[in-house]
Amino acid sequence: MLKAFLATDRSSTSLAIQRAALGAVVLPHGAQKLLGWFGGYGFDGTMAYFTDSMHLPAPLALLVILGESFGALALILGLGTRLAAFGITATMLGAIATTHLSNGFFMNWFGAQAGEGFEYHLLALALSVPILIWGGGRFAVDSAIADRLGSRAPVPVTA
């Protein structure tokens, strides 16, 4: 089971680029929520917002913060890639359902609508779902872990 979890097409540069791009785009959002960087509220402020204003259960709010911060770092490294991609996928679906769907498709570039639409989230899903299915691709730490566990033969991943 662990072998399948770590399996990926080790020659796939496309998956590696998707993984790194998604991690790099999500990481600043995680840093806002966890550390208060880039104008964010930090851990306490984000937890309060998620639990008090959005009425999310505290464990779910914590998972969102951890998924966008440590999960994004894990994606960049290719470490626990499928789990990290699952976290990002779940977070994006949750954000669409709870906040952005009612604002329509488009982002609020010019302040003409009540809030942000869900186009960013769809792009993140377009990156996260293939990673969730096929793994992290070339240069993923998961491959090195699989090698250490004795699974030297690459596990074929079909598209």
Protein backbone atom coordinates (compact mmCIF):
# COMPACT_ATOMS: atom_id res chain seq x y z
CA MET A 1 0.00 0.00 0.00
CA LEU A 2 2.82 2.41 0.85
CA LYS A 3 4.49 1.48 -2.42
CA ALA A 4 1.37 2.54 -4.35
CA PHE A 5 1.13 5.74 -2.29
CA LEU A 6 4.69 6.69 -3.26
CA ALA A 7 4.50 5.49 -6.88
CA THR A 8 4.94 7.98 -9.68
CA ASP A 9 6.27 8.23 -13.19
CA ARG A 10 9.85 9.17 -12.34
CA SER A 11 10.43 10.49 -15.83
CA SER A 12 7.46 12.88 -15.83
CA THR A 13 8.72 16.43 -15.94
CA SER A 14 5.14 17.65 -16.39
CA LEU A 15 4.03 16.28 -13.01
CA ALA A 16 7.14 17.76 -11.38
CA ILE A 17 6.39 21.18 -12.85
CA GLN A 18 2.73 20.97 -11.81
CA ARG A 19 3.76 19.93 -8.31
CA ALA A 20 6.30 22.74 -7.91
CA ALA A 21 4.00 25.38 -9.42
CA LEU A 22 1.06 24.41 -7.22
CA GLY A 23 3.23 24.37 -4.11
CA ALA A 24 4.76 27.74 -4.97
CA VAL A 25 1.36 29.35 -5.57
CA VAL A 26 -0.33 27.90 -2.47
CA LEU A 27 2.60 28.43 -0.06
CA PRO A 28 2.15 32.23 0.29
CA HIS A 29 -1.52 31.65 1.14
CA GLY A 30 -0.44 29.17 3.79
CA ALA A 31 2.15 31.65 5.12
CA GLN A 32 -0.62 34.24 5.47
CA LYS A 33 -2.70 31.85 7.50
CA LEU A 34 0.06 30.27 9.60
CA LEU A 35 2.58 33.09 10.07
CA GLY A 36 0.74 36.31 9.25
CA TRP A 37 3.04 37.02 6.32
CA PHE A 38 1.91 38.91 3.20
CA GLY A 39 -0.87 40.72 5.06
CA GLY A 40 -2.38 37.59 6.58
CA TYR A 41 -3.92 37.20 10.03
CA GLY A 42 -1.54 34.52 11.31
CA PHE A 43 -2.54 31.32 13.04
CA ASP A 44 -4.71 32.73 15.84
CA GLY A 45 -6.50 35.23 13.63
CA THR A 46 -7.14 32.69 10.89
CA MET A 47 -8.41 30.09 13.36
CA ALA A 48 -10.74 32.69 14.88
CA TYR A 49 -12.02 33.72 11.45
CA PHE A 50 -12.60 30.15 10.29
CA THR A 51 -14.28 29.02 13.51
CA ASP A 52 -16.14 32.18 14.60
CA SER A 53 -17.11 33.81 11.30
CA MET A 54 -17.27 30.84 8.94
CA HIS A 55 -18.37 28.36 11.64
CA LEU A 56 -15.92 25.69 10.51
CA PRO A 57 -15.04 23.05 13.10
CA ALA A 58 -11.63 23.79 14.65
CA PRO A 59 -10.05 20.52 13.40
CA LEU A 60 -11.08 21.36 9.84
CA ALA A 61 -9.77 24.92 10.17
CA LEU A 62 -6.46 23.53 11.43
CA LEU A 63 -6.25 21.13 8.48
CA VAL A 64 -6.77 24.00 6.03
CA ILE A 65 -3.93 26.00 7.62
CA LEU A 66 -1.60 22.99 7.73
CA GLY A 67 -2.53 21.91 4.20
CA GLU A 68 -1.80 25.30 2.69
CA SER A 69 1.46 25.77 4.57
CA PHE A 70 3.18 22.43 5.26
CA GLY A 71 1.26 20.74 2.44
CA ALA A 72 2.55 23.30 -0.04
CA LEU A 73 6.11 22.72 1.17
CA ALA A 74 5.58 18.97 0.85
CA LEU A 75 4.39 19.45 -2.73
CA ILE A 76 7.46 21.46 -3.64
CA LEU A 77 9.66 18.67 -2.27
CA GLY A 78 7.52 15.85 -3.58
CA LEU A 79 7.23 14.45 -0.06
CA GLY A 80 3.94 12.73 0.70
CA THR A 81 2.84 14.15 -2.61
CA ARG A 82 -0.54 12.45 -2.88
CA LEU A 83 -1.52 13.37 0.69
CA ALA A 84 -0.47 17.00 0.12
CA ALA A 85 -2.35 17.11 -3.19
CA PHE A 86 -5.41 15.63 -1.48
CA GLY A 87 -5.24 18.38 1.15
CA ILE A 88 -5.03 21.11 -1.48
CA THR A 89 -7.83 19.50 -3.51
CA ALA A 90 -10.10 19.31 -0.46
CA THR A 91 -9.26 22.89 0.54
CA MET A 92 -10.04 24.25 -2.94
CA LEU A 93 -13.33 22.34 -3.15
CA GLY A 94 -14.25 23.56 0.33
CA ALA A 95 -13.37 27.16 -0.52
CA ILE A 96 -15.54 27.03 -3.63
CA ALA A 97 -18.47 25.51 -1.76
CA THR A 98 -18.34 27.71 1.34
CA THR A 99 -17.20 31.08 0.01
CA HIS A 100 -16.59 31.61 -3.69
CA LEU A 101 -19.37 29.88 -5.62
CA SER A 102 -21.89 32.60 -4.78
CA ASN A 103 -19.53 35.24 -6.22
CA GLY A 104 -19.47 33.68 -9.67
CA PHE A 105 -16.57 32.55 -11.80
CA PHE A 106 -14.34 35.61 -12.11
CA MET A 107 -11.89 36.99 -9.61
CA ASN A 108 -12.69 40.47 -8.33
CA TRP A 109 -9.94 42.38 -10.13
CA PHE A 110 -11.75 45.70 -10.20
CA GLY A 111 -13.85 45.53 -7.02
CA ALA A 112 -17.09 45.28 -8.99
CA GLN A 113 -18.48 42.22 -7.19
CA ALA A 114 -19.12 41.19 -3.59
CA GLY A 115 -16.10 38.88 -3.37
CA GLU A 116 -13.71 36.68 -5.29
CA GLY A 117 -15.02 34.13 -7.77
CA PHE A 118 -13.75 30.58 -8.05
CA GLU A 119 -11.51 30.69 -11.15
CA TYR A 120 -8.29 30.53 -9.07
CA HIS A 121 -9.61 27.47 -7.27
CA LEU A 122 -10.38 25.69 -10.54
CA LEU A 123 -6.84 26.29 -11.74
CA ALA A 124 -5.47 24.91 -8.48
CA LEU A 125 -7.71 21.86 -8.89
CA ALA A 126 -6.45 21.40 -12.46
CA LEU A 127 -2.96 21.09 -10.98
CA SER A 128 -3.77 19.13 -7.81
CA VAL A 129 -6.01 16.37 -9.19
CA PRO A 130 -3.46 14.92 -11.65
CA ILE A 131 -0.82 14.98 -8.90
CA LEU A 132 -3.24 13.20 -6.58
CA ILE A 133 -3.86 10.52 -9.21
CA TRP A 134 -0.42 10.07 -10.77
CA GLY A 135 2.02 11.24 -8.11
CA GLY A 136 4.78 13.83 -8.03
CA GLY A 137 6.80 12.94 -11.11
CA ARG A 138 10.50 13.56 -11.58
CA PHE A 139 12.64 14.64 -8.60
CA ALA A 140 9.99 13.75 -6.01
CA VAL A 141 11.39 12.77 -2.61
CA ASP A 142 8.71 10.05 -2.58
CA SER A 143 10.78 8.13 -5.14
CA ALA A 144 13.85 8.16 -2.90
CA ILE A 145 11.75 6.93 0.02
CA ALA A 146 10.32 4.16 -2.15
CA ASP A 147 13.87 3.16 -3.09
CA ARG A 148 14.89 3.00 0.57
CA LEU A 149 11.90 0.80 1.28
CA GLY A 150 13.15 -1.69 -1.29
CA SER A 151 10.85 -0.85 -4.15
CA ARG A 152 13.63 -0.20 -6.63
CA ALA A 153 11.57 -1.19 -9.66
CA PRO A 154 9.41 1.75 -10.76
CA VAL A 155 5.72 1.15 -10.32
CA PRO A 156 3.99 1.92 -13.61
CA VAL A 157 1.38 4.62 -13.34
CA THR A 158 -1.11 4.63 -16.17
CA ALA A 159 -2.81 7.72 -17.46
